[in-house]
Amino acid sequence: MCSVFGINVMKVQVSLFANLRDYAPGGKGSFDLALAAGATVADLFAALNVPPQVQTVVLVNGRRAEPTTPLAPGDSITLFPPMEGG
């Protein structure tokens, strides 16, 4: 964690798949993102401008996460669309 303009920030690793790559900076599938310390999954969505109506499966360090799940420095967040099939 570090401080930028007096605000504590942390870096997380984000991986986006399928249509969710549209929300990635530069269209990259994987990237590091700086967020305010204490950020949640919902804050990550806001930082990426992912609309609330977009259905997404979220994993934080390989475990299913909800919008209220807190993030920590160095976390690995994976976002992909729900899968259906038979």
PDB file of N, CA and C in Angstrom:
ATOM      1  N   MET A   1       0.855  -1.167   0.000  1.00  0.00           N
ATOM      2  CA  MET A   1       0.000   0.000   0.000  1.00  0.00           C
ATOM      3  C   MET A   1       0.902   1.232   0.000  1.00  0.00           C
ATOM      4  N   CYS A   2       0.450   2.284  -0.658  1.00  0.00           N
ATOM      5  CA  CYS A   2       1.209   3.527  -0.697  1.00  0.00           C
ATOM      6  C   CYS A   2       0.241   4.694  -0.592  1.00  0.00           C
ATOM      7  N   SER A   3       0.786   5.891  -0.561  1.00  0.00           N
ATOM      8  CA  SER A   3      -0.038   7.080  -0.418  1.00  0.00           C
ATOM      9  C   SER A   3       0.161   7.982  -1.633  1.00  0.00           C
ATOM     10  N   VAL A   4      -0.953   8.433  -2.218  1.00  0.00           N
ATOM     11  CA  VAL A   4      -0.919   9.360  -3.343  1.00  0.00           C
ATOM     12  C   VAL A   4      -1.767  10.557  -2.965  1.00  0.00           C
ATOM     13  N   PHE A   5      -1.153  11.735  -2.926  1.00  0.00           N
ATOM     14  CA  PHE A   5      -1.846  12.959  -2.520  1.00  0.00           C
ATOM     15  C   PHE A   5      -2.534  12.789  -1.172  1.00  0.00           C
ATOM     16  N   GLY A   6      -1.888  12.060  -0.266  1.00  0.00           N
ATOM     17  CA  GLY A   6      -2.429  11.875   1.074  1.00  0.00           C
ATOM     18  C   GLY A   6      -3.515  10.812   1.181  1.00  0.00           C
ATOM     19  N   ILE A   7      -3.815  10.119   0.083  1.00  0.00           N
ATOM     20  CA  ILE A   7      -4.824   9.059   0.098  1.00  0.00           C
ATOM     21  C   ILE A   7      -4.106   7.720   0.015  1.00  0.00           C
ATOM     22  N   ASN A   8      -4.409   6.820   0.949  1.00  0.00           N
ATOM     23  CA  ASN A   8      -3.809   5.493   0.910  1.00  0.00           C
ATOM     24  C   ASN A   8      -4.417   4.698  -0.233  1.00  0.00           C
ATOM     25  N   VAL A   9      -3.547   4.156  -1.078  1.00  0.00           N
ATOM     26  CA  VAL A   9      -4.000   3.354  -2.215  1.00  0.00           C
ATOM     27  C   VAL A   9      -3.339   1.978  -2.161  1.00  0.00           C
ATOM     28  N   MET A  10      -3.988   1.035  -2.811  1.00  0.00           N
ATOM     29  CA  MET A  10      -3.452  -0.323  -2.903  1.00  0.00           C
ATOM     30  C   MET A  10      -3.539  -0.766  -4.355  1.00  0.00           C
ATOM     31  N   LYS A  11      -2.722  -1.720  -4.709  1.00  0.00           N
ATOM     32  CA  LYS A  11      -2.732  -2.256  -6.063  1.00  0.00           C
ATOM     33  C   LYS A  11      -3.293  -3.671  -6.029  1.00  0.00           C
ATOM     34  N   VAL A  12      -4.204  -3.962  -6.975  1.00  0.00           N
ATOM     35  CA  VAL A  12      -4.755  -5.300  -7.137  1.00  0.00           C
ATOM     36  C   VAL A  12      -4.550  -5.744  -8.578  1.00  0.00           C
ATOM     37  N   GLN A  13      -4.560  -7.046  -8.802  1.00  0.00           N
ATOM     38  CA  GLN A  13      -4.437  -7.619 -10.148  1.00  0.00           C
ATOM     39  C   GLN A  13      -5.828  -7.986 -10.629  1.00  0.00           C
ATOM     40  N   VAL A  14      -6.213  -7.509 -11.807  1.00  0.00           N
ATOM     41  CA  VAL A  14      -7.550  -7.740 -12.348  1.00  0.00           C
ATOM     42  C   VAL A  14      -7.433  -8.500 -13.668  1.00  0.00           C
ATOM     43  N   SER A  15      -8.279  -9.521 -13.837  1.00  0.00           N
ATOM     44  CA  SER A  15      -8.376 -10.269 -15.097  1.00  0.00           C
ATOM     45  C   SER A  15      -9.832 -10.252 -15.540  1.00  0.00           C
ATOM     46  N   LEU A  16     -10.056  -9.809 -16.779  1.00  0.00           N
ATOM     47  CA  LEU A  16     -11.404  -9.739 -17.343  1.00  0.00           C
ATOM     48  C   LEU A  16     -11.494 -10.675 -18.545  1.00  0.00           C
ATOM     49  N   PHE A  17     -12.637 -11.344 -18.675  1.00  0.00           N
ATOM     50  CA  PHE A  17     -12.819 -12.301 -19.760  1.00  0.00           C
ATOM     51  C   PHE A  17     -14.062 -11.977 -20.574  1.00  0.00           C
ATOM     52  N   ALA A  18     -14.037 -12.436 -21.827  1.00  0.00           N
ATOM     53  CA  ALA A  18     -15.155 -12.305 -22.771  1.00  0.00           C
ATOM     54  C   ALA A  18     -15.539 -10.830 -22.931  1.00  0.00           C
ATOM     55  N   ASN A  19     -16.844 -10.552 -22.924  1.00  0.00           N
ATOM     56  CA  ASN A  19     -17.322  -9.186 -23.163  1.00  0.00           C
ATOM     57  C   ASN A  19     -16.897  -8.205 -22.068  1.00  0.00           C
ATOM     58  N   LEU A  20     -16.471  -8.692 -20.919  1.00  0.00           N
ATOM     59  CA  LEU A  20     -16.051  -7.796 -19.835  1.00  0.00           C
ATOM     60  C   LEU A  20     -14.733  -7.092 -20.145  1.00  0.00           C
ATOM     61  N   ARG A  21     -13.989  -7.586 -21.119  1.00  0.00           N
ATOM     62  CA  ARG A  21     -12.751  -6.907 -21.526  1.00  0.00           C
ATOM     63  C   ARG A  21     -13.042  -5.508 -22.061  1.00  0.00           C
ATOM     64  N   ASP A  22     -14.286  -5.270 -22.470  1.00  0.00           N
ATOM     65  CA  ASP A  22     -14.659  -3.932 -22.941  1.00  0.00           C
ATOM     66  C   ASP A  22     -14.444  -2.872 -21.867  1.00  0.00           C
ATOM     67  N   TYR A  23     -14.406  -3.275 -20.603  1.00  0.00           N
ATOM     68  CA  TYR A  23     -14.256  -2.340 -19.488  1.00  0.00           C
ATOM     69  C   TYR A  23     -12.807  -2.224 -19.014  1.00  0.00           C
ATOM     70  N   ALA A  24     -11.907  -2.949 -19.654  1.00  0.00           N
ATOM     71  CA  ALA A  24     -10.497  -2.929 -19.259  1.00  0.00           C
ATOM     72  C   ALA A  24      -9.786  -1.731 -19.868  1.00  0.00           C
ATOM     73  N   PRO A  25      -8.885  -1.107 -19.115  1.00  0.00           N
ATOM     74  CA  PRO A  25      -8.093  -0.017 -19.691  1.00  0.00           C
ATOM     75  C   PRO A  25      -7.291  -0.540 -20.883  1.00  0.00           C
ATOM     76  N   GLY A  26      -7.468   0.070 -22.024  1.00  0.00           N
ATOM     77  CA  GLY A  26      -6.745  -0.338 -23.218  1.00  0.00           C
ATOM     78  C   GLY A  26      -7.178  -1.681 -23.774  1.00  0.00           C
ATOM     79  N   GLY A  27      -8.284  -2.239 -23.279  1.00  0.00           N
ATOM     80  CA  GLY A  27      -8.778  -3.518 -23.770  1.00  0.00           C
ATOM     81  C   GLY A  27      -7.956  -4.716 -23.337  1.00  0.00           C
ATOM     82  N   LYS A  28      -7.039  -4.508 -22.389  1.00  0.00           N
ATOM     83  CA  LYS A  28      -6.191  -5.605 -21.916  1.00  0.00           C
ATOM     84  C   LYS A  28      -7.005  -6.541 -21.026  1.00  0.00           C
ATOM     85  N   GLY A  29      -6.739  -7.831 -21.137  1.00  0.00           N
ATOM     86  CA  GLY A  29      -7.455  -8.810 -20.319  1.00  0.00           C
ATOM     87  C   GLY A  29      -6.985  -8.845 -18.882  1.00  0.00           C
ATOM     88  N   SER A  30      -5.703  -8.562 -18.649  1.00  0.00           N
ATOM     89  CA  SER A  30      -5.145  -8.573 -17.292  1.00  0.00           C
ATOM     90  C   SER A  30      -4.340  -7.298 -17.069  1.00  0.00           C
ATOM     91  N   PHE A  31      -4.492  -6.732 -15.892  1.00  0.00           N
ATOM     92  CA  PHE A  31      -3.803  -5.478 -15.588  1.00  0.00           C
ATOM     93  C   PHE A  31      -3.808  -5.244 -14.082  1.00  0.00           C
ATOM     94  N   ASP A  32      -2.911  -4.376 -13.636  1.00  0.00           N
ATOM     95  CA  ASP A  32      -2.886  -3.919 -12.247  1.00  0.00           C
ATOM     96  C   ASP A  32      -3.739  -2.671 -12.152  1.00  0.00           C
ATOM     97  N   LEU A  33      -4.428  -2.529 -11.025  1.00  0.00           N
ATOM     98  CA  LEU A  33      -5.289  -1.370 -10.821  1.00  0.00           C
ATOM     99  C   LEU A  33      -5.079  -0.836  -9.407  1.00  0.00           C
ATOM    100  N   ALA A  34      -4.922   0.471  -9.285  1.00  0.00           N
ATOM    101  CA  ALA A  34      -4.799   1.111  -7.980  1.00  0.00           C
ATOM    102  C   ALA A  34      -6.185   1.535  -7.504  1.00  0.00           C
ATOM    103  N   LEU A  35      -6.497   1.164  -6.280  1.00  0.00           N
ATOM    104  CA  LEU A  35      -7.773   1.521  -5.653  1.00  0.00           C
ATOM    105  C   LEU A  35      -7.495   2.109  -4.280  1.00  0.00           C
ATOM    106  N   ALA A  36      -8.452   2.851  -3.759  1.00  0.00           N
ATOM    107  CA  ALA A  36      -8.322   3.390  -2.407  1.00  0.00           C
ATOM    108  C   ALA A  36      -8.271   2.241  -1.411  1.00  0.00           C
ATOM    109  N   ALA A  37      -7.466   2.398  -0.377  1.00  0.00           N
ATOM    110  CA  ALA A  37      -7.414   1.398   0.685  1.00  0.00           C
ATOM    111  C   ALA A  37      -8.814   1.203   1.249  1.00  0.00           C
ATOM    112  N   GLY A  38      -9.188  -0.048   1.500  1.00  0.00           N
ATOM    113  CA  GLY A  38     -10.509  -0.346   2.018  1.00  0.00           C
ATOM    114  C   GLY A  38     -11.563  -0.530   0.947  1.00  0.00           C
ATOM    115  N   ALA A  39     -11.150  -0.526  -0.336  1.00  0.00           N
ATOM    116  CA  ALA A  39     -12.097  -0.677  -1.440  1.00  0.00           C
ATOM    117  C   ALA A  39     -12.757  -2.054  -1.414  1.00  0.00           C
ATOM    118  N   THR A  40     -13.939  -2.123  -2.015  1.00  0.00           N
ATOM    119  CA  THR A  40     -14.686  -3.369  -2.134  1.00  0.00           C
ATOM    120  C   THR A  40     -14.799  -3.751  -3.615  1.00  0.00           C
ATOM    121  N   VAL A  41     -15.395  -4.907  -3.869  1.00  0.00           N
ATOM    122  CA  VAL A  41     -15.656  -5.323  -5.253  1.00  0.00           C
ATOM    123  C   VAL A  41     -16.523  -4.272  -5.951  1.00  0.00           C
ATOM    124  N   ALA A  42     -17.503  -3.711  -5.256  1.00  0.00           N
ATOM    125  CA  ALA A  42     -18.358  -2.667  -5.849  1.00  0.00           C
ATOM    126  C   ALA A  42     -17.529  -1.457  -6.264  1.00  0.00           C
ATOM    127  N   ASP A  43     -16.536  -1.089  -5.469  1.00  0.00           N
ATOM    128  CA  ASP A  43     -15.653   0.028  -5.824  1.00  0.00           C
ATOM    129  C   ASP A  43     -14.838  -0.295  -7.077  1.00  0.00           C
ATOM    130  N   LEU A  44     -14.419  -1.543  -7.205  1.00  0.00           N
ATOM    131  CA  LEU A  44     -13.707  -1.975  -8.405  1.00  0.00           C
ATOM    132  C   LEU A  44     -14.593  -1.812  -9.638  1.00  0.00           C
ATOM    133  N   PHE A  45     -15.848  -2.254  -9.537  1.00  0.00           N
ATOM    134  CA  PHE A  45     -16.792  -2.109 -10.649  1.00  0.00           C
ATOM    135  C   PHE A  45     -16.956  -0.640 -11.021  1.00  0.00           C
ATOM    136  N   ALA A  46     -17.060   0.218 -10.023  1.00  0.00           N
ATOM    137  CA  ALA A  46     -17.204   1.652 -10.285  1.00  0.00           C
ATOM    138  C   ALA A  46     -15.963   2.204 -10.977  1.00  0.00           C
ATOM    139  N   ALA A  47     -14.788   1.777 -10.535  1.00  0.00           N
ATOM    140  CA  ALA A  47     -13.540   2.257 -11.132  1.00  0.00           C
ATOM    141  C   ALA A  47     -13.427   1.839 -12.600  1.00  0.00           C
ATOM    142  N   LEU A  48     -14.012   0.682 -12.937  1.00  0.00           N
ATOM    143  CA  LEU A  48     -13.956   0.175 -14.309  1.00  0.00           C
ATOM    144  C   LEU A  48     -15.165   0.602 -15.140  1.00  0.00           C
ATOM    145  N   ASN A  49     -16.093   1.326 -14.520  1.00  0.00           N
ATOM    146  CA  ASN A  49     -17.327   1.765 -15.192  1.00  0.00           C
ATOM    147  C   ASN A  49     -18.177   0.604 -15.696  1.00  0.00           C
ATOM    148  N   VAL A  50     -18.219  -0.485 -14.917  1.00  0.00           N
ATOM    149  CA  VAL A  50     -19.063  -1.629 -15.253  1.00  0.00           C
ATOM    150  C   VAL A  50     -20.474  -1.304 -14.751  1.00  0.00           C
ATOM    151  N   PRO A  51     -21.454  -1.217 -15.661  1.00  0.00           N
ATOM    152  CA  PRO A  51     -22.830  -0.898 -15.242  1.00  0.00           C
ATOM    153  C   PRO A  51     -23.406  -1.975 -14.326  1.00  0.00           C
ATOM    154  N   PRO A  52     -24.257  -1.578 -13.377  1.00  0.00           N
ATOM    155  CA  PRO A  52     -24.814  -2.546 -12.425  1.00  0.00           C
ATOM    156  C   PRO A  52     -25.624  -3.659 -13.084  1.00  0.00           C
ATOM    157  N   GLN A  53     -26.186  -3.409 -14.267  1.00  0.00           N
ATOM    158  CA  GLN A  53     -27.013  -4.426 -14.909  1.00  0.00           C
ATOM    159  C   GLN A  53     -26.195  -5.511 -15.619  1.00  0.00           C
ATOM    160  N   VAL A  54     -24.886  -5.323 -15.730  1.00  0.00           N
ATOM    161  CA  VAL A  54     -24.040  -6.326 -16.370  1.00  0.00           C
ATOM    162  C   VAL A  54     -23.843  -7.490 -15.402  1.00  0.00           C
ATOM    163  N   GLN A  55     -24.250  -8.681 -15.836  1.00  0.00           N
ATOM    164  CA  GLN A  55     -24.125  -9.872 -14.990  1.00  0.00           C
ATOM    165  C   GLN A  55     -22.685 -10.358 -15.019  1.00  0.00           C
ATOM    166  N   THR A  56     -22.139 -10.578 -13.841  1.00  0.00           N
ATOM    167  CA  THR A  56     -20.729 -10.932 -13.717  1.00  0.00           C
ATOM    168  C   THR A  56     -20.517 -11.923 -12.583  1.00  0.00           C
ATOM    169  N   VAL A  57     -19.650 -12.883 -12.819  1.00  0.00           N
ATOM    170  CA  VAL A  57     -19.168 -13.757 -11.759  1.00  0.00           C
ATOM    171  C   VAL A  57     -17.842 -13.168 -11.309  1.00  0.00           C
ATOM    172  N   VAL A  58     -17.679 -13.006  -9.997  1.00  0.00           N
ATOM    173  CA  VAL A  58     -16.471 -12.383  -9.446  1.00  0.00           C
ATOM    174  C   VAL A  58     -15.764 -13.375  -8.531  1.00  0.00           C
ATOM    175  N   LEU A  59     -14.472 -13.536  -8.762  1.00  0.00           N
ATOM    176  CA  LEU A  59     -13.632 -14.327  -7.873  1.00  0.00           C
ATOM    177  C   LEU A  59     -12.546 -13.425  -7.310  1.00  0.00           C
ATOM    178  N   VAL A  60     -12.329 -13.507  -6.004  1.00  0.00           N
ATOM    179  CA  VAL A  60     -11.222 -12.805  -5.358  1.00  0.00           C
ATOM    180  C   VAL A  60     -10.316 -13.890  -4.787  1.00  0.00           C
ATOM    181  N   ASN A  61      -9.104 -13.951  -5.306  1.00  0.00           N
ATOM    182  CA  ASN A  61      -8.146 -14.984  -4.922  1.00  0.00           C
ATOM    183  C   ASN A  61      -8.746 -16.381  -5.082  1.00  0.00           C
ATOM    184  N   GLY A  62      -9.507 -16.565  -6.168  1.00  0.00           N
ATOM    185  CA  GLY A  62     -10.063 -17.870  -6.486  1.00  0.00           C
ATOM    186  C   GLY A  62     -11.355 -18.238  -5.780  1.00  0.00           C
ATOM    187  N   ARG A  63     -11.876 -17.328  -4.958  1.00  0.00           N
ATOM    188  CA  ARG A  63     -13.120 -17.604  -4.225  1.00  0.00           C
ATOM    189  C   ARG A  63     -14.217 -16.650  -4.664  1.00  0.00           C
ATOM    190  N   ARG A  64     -15.425 -17.164  -4.766  1.00  0.00           N
ATOM    191  CA  ARG A  64     -16.575 -16.357  -5.180  1.00  0.00           C
ATOM    192  C   ARG A  64     -16.716 -15.155  -4.252  1.00  0.00           C
ATOM    193  N   ALA A  65     -17.030 -13.996  -4.825  1.00  0.00           N
ATOM    194  CA  ALA A  65     -17.118 -12.760  -4.049  1.00  0.00           C
ATOM    195  C   ALA A  65     -18.398 -12.007  -4.387  1.00  0.00           C
ATOM    196  N   GLU A  66     -18.846 -11.216  -3.450  1.00  0.00           N
ATOM    197  CA  GLU A  66     -20.030 -10.362  -3.579  1.00  0.00           C
ATOM    198  C   GLU A  66     -19.574  -8.907  -3.698  1.00  0.00           C
ATOM    199  N   PRO A  67     -20.482  -7.999  -4.094  1.00  0.00           N
ATOM    200  CA  PRO A  67     -20.102  -6.586  -4.203  1.00  0.00           C
ATOM    201  C   PRO A  67     -19.532  -5.992  -2.909  1.00  0.00           C
ATOM    202  N   THR A  68     -19.961  -6.503  -1.773  1.00  0.00           N
ATOM    203  CA  THR A  68     -19.499  -5.961  -0.491  1.00  0.00           C
ATOM    204  C   THR A  68     -18.187  -6.569  -0.011  1.00  0.00           C
ATOM    205  N   THR A  69     -17.636  -7.528  -0.763  1.00  0.00           N
ATOM    206  CA  THR A  69     -16.385  -8.176  -0.362  1.00  0.00           C
ATOM    207  C   THR A  69     -15.254  -7.154  -0.359  1.00  0.00           C
ATOM    208  N   PRO A  70     -14.557  -7.009   0.786  1.00  0.00           N
ATOM    209  CA  PRO A  70     -13.429  -6.072   0.836  1.00  0.00           C
ATOM    210  C   PRO A  70     -12.229  -6.630   0.076  1.00  0.00           C
ATOM    211  N   LEU A  71     -11.462  -5.727  -0.503  1.00  0.00           N
ATOM    212  CA  LEU A  71     -10.249  -6.095  -1.220  1.00  0.00           C
ATOM    213  C   LEU A  71      -9.028  -5.706  -0.404  1.00  0.00           C
ATOM    214  N   ALA A  72      -7.938  -6.428  -0.625  1.00  0.00           N
ATOM    215  CA  ALA A  72      -6.685  -6.166   0.084  1.00  0.00           C
ATOM    216  C   ALA A  72      -5.564  -5.997  -0.939  1.00  0.00           C
ATOM    217  N   PRO A  73      -4.495  -5.321  -0.557  1.00  0.00           N
ATOM    218  CA  PRO A  73      -3.376  -5.151  -1.479  1.00  0.00           C
ATOM    219  C   PRO A  73      -2.890  -6.508  -2.002  1.00  0.00           C
ATOM    220  N   GLY A  74      -2.662  -6.566  -3.322  1.00  0.00           N
ATOM    221  CA  GLY A  74      -2.158  -7.789  -3.927  1.00  0.00           C
ATOM    222  C   GLY A  74      -3.216  -8.809  -4.297  1.00  0.00           C
ATOM    223  N   ASP A  75      -4.493  -8.541  -3.987  1.00  0.00           N
ATOM    224  CA  ASP A  75      -5.551  -9.489  -4.344  1.00  0.00           C
ATOM    225  C   ASP A  75      -5.601  -9.686  -5.853  1.00  0.00           C
ATOM    226  N   SER A  76      -6.026 -10.882  -6.247  1.00  0.00           N
ATOM    227  CA  SER A  76      -6.241 -11.210  -7.650  1.00  0.00           C
ATOM    228  C   SER A  76      -7.744 -11.324  -7.871  1.00  0.00           C
ATOM    229  N   ILE A  77      -8.289 -10.450  -8.720  1.00  0.00           N
ATOM    230  CA  ILE A  77      -9.728 -10.411  -8.980  1.00  0.00           C
ATOM    231  C   ILE A  77      -9.984 -10.857 -10.411  1.00  0.00           C
ATOM    232  N   THR A  78     -10.879 -11.808 -10.570  1.00  0.00           N
ATOM    233  CA  THR A  78     -11.237 -12.335 -11.887  1.00  0.00           C
ATOM    234  C   THR A  78     -12.715 -12.056 -12.120  1.00  0.00           C
ATOM    235  N   LEU A  79     -13.024 -11.500 -13.289  1.00  0.00           N
ATOM    236  CA  LEU A  79     -14.408 -11.208 -13.668  1.00  0.00           C
ATOM    237  C   LEU A  79     -14.712 -11.923 -14.983  1.00  0.00           C
ATOM    238  N   PHE A  80     -15.810 -12.669 -14.993  1.00  0.00           N
ATOM    239  CA  PHE A  80     -16.243 -13.295 -16.230  1.00  0.00           C
ATOM    240  C   PHE A  80     -17.761 -13.379 -16.243  1.00  0.00           C
ATOM    241  N   PRO A  81     -18.354 -13.480 -17.446  1.00  0.00           N
ATOM    242  CA  PRO A  81     -19.806 -13.565 -17.524  1.00  0.00           C
ATOM    243  C   PRO A  81     -20.293 -14.917 -17.012  1.00  0.00           C
ATOM    244  N   PRO A  82     -21.520 -14.971 -16.509  1.00  0.00           N
ATOM    245  CA  PRO A  82     -22.059 -16.274 -16.072  1.00  0.00           C
ATOM    246  C   PRO A  82     -22.104 -17.228 -17.262  1.00  0.00           C
ATOM    247  N   MET A  83     -21.875 -18.491 -16.981  1.00  0.00           N
ATOM    248  CA  MET A  83     -21.893 -19.495 -18.030  1.00  0.00           C
ATOM    249  C   MET A  83     -23.149 -20.349 -17.922  1.00  0.00           C
ATOM    250  N   GLU A  84     -23.669 -20.679 -19.075  1.00  0.00           N
ATOM    251  CA  GLU A  84     -24.820 -21.563 -19.128  1.00  0.00           C
ATOM    252  C   GLU A  84     -24.474 -22.693 -20.071  1.00  0.00           C
ATOM    253  N   GLY A  85     -25.134 -23.777 -19.890  1.00  0.00           N
ATOM    254  CA  GLY A  85     -24.874 -24.878 -20.803  1.00  0.00           C
ATOM    255  C   GLY A  85     -25.551 -26.146 -20.331  1.00  0.00           C
ATOM    256  N   GLY A  86     -25.367 -27.128 -21.062  1.00  0.00           N
ATOM    257  CA  GLY A  86     -26.032 -28.358 -20.694  1.00  0.00           C
ATOM    258  C   GLY A  86     -25.252 -29.491 -21.106  1.00  0.00           C
TER     259      GLY A  86
END
